[in-house]
């Protein structure tokens, strides 16, 4: 399965599904759509709807 990379529109933070987000307890391999509803950008606090899938990922 291809893992995607999602980019925050506000600050440019990259959420890489293959890496996850260890700072917030998100395991590697967690798909963006499977992130908890309350998950926000760890850099700027933007909600999930402020992220877009990077082309080619």
Protein backbone atom coordinates (compact mmCIF):
# COMPACT_ATOMS: atom_id res chain seq x y z
CA UNK A 1 0.00 0.00 0.00
CA UNK A 2 1.28 3.46 -0.86
CA UNK A 3 1.54 5.81 2.07
CA UNK A 4 0.63 9.43 1.36
CA UNK A 5 2.03 12.71 2.64
CA UNK A 6 -0.36 15.45 3.74
CA UNK A 7 0.63 19.13 4.01
CA UNK A 8 -0.79 21.75 6.37
CA UNK A 9 -2.06 24.76 4.41
CA UNK A 10 -1.26 27.12 7.29
CA UNK A 11 2.32 26.25 8.25
CA UNK A 12 3.59 23.65 5.78
CA UNK A 13 3.92 20.81 8.32
CA UNK A 14 4.06 17.43 6.59
CA UNK A 15 2.18 14.44 7.98
CA UNK A 16 3.75 11.34 6.46
CA UNK A 17 1.52 8.29 6.88
CA UNK A 18 4.55 5.97 6.80
CA UNK A 19 6.09 7.80 9.78
CA UNK A 20 3.02 8.82 11.82
CA UNK A 21 3.30 11.42 14.57
CA UNK A 22 5.13 10.04 17.58
CA UNK A 23 4.74 13.32 19.51
CA UNK A 24 0.97 12.80 19.63
CA UNK A 25 1.05 9.01 19.85
CA UNK A 26 0.12 8.29 16.22
CA UNK A 27 1.76 5.07 15.05
CA UNK A 28 3.67 4.74 11.79
CA UNK A 29 1.36 3.48 9.05
CA UNK A 30 -1.69 5.43 10.29
CA UNK A 31 -3.65 6.74 7.31
CA UNK A 32 -4.62 10.41 7.45
CA UNK A 33 -8.33 9.56 7.32
CA UNK A 34 -7.83 7.30 10.36
CA UNK A 35 -6.39 10.04 12.54
CA UNK A 36 -8.59 10.86 15.55
CA UNK A 37 -11.25 13.52 14.88
CA UNK A 38 -9.60 15.89 17.34
CA UNK A 39 -6.10 15.57 15.87
CA UNK A 40 -4.58 18.93 14.92
CA UNK A 41 -1.35 20.02 13.30
CA UNK A 42 1.36 19.56 15.92
CA UNK A 43 3.12 22.70 14.69
CA UNK A 44 0.32 25.29 14.41
CA UNK A 45 -2.85 23.64 15.73
CA UNK A 46 -4.74 23.67 12.42
CA UNK A 47 -7.57 21.09 12.14
CA UNK A 48 -7.46 18.17 9.71
CA UNK A 49 -9.53 20.06 7.12
CA UNK A 50 -6.58 22.44 6.65
CA UNK A 51 -4.43 19.65 5.17
CA UNK A 52 -4.16 18.58 1.55
CA UNK A 53 -2.67 15.47 0.01
CA UNK A 54 0.60 16.19 -1.73
CA UNK A 55 0.68 15.22 -5.40
CA UNK A 56 2.80 12.21 -6.16
CA UNK A 57 2.45 10.76 -2.69
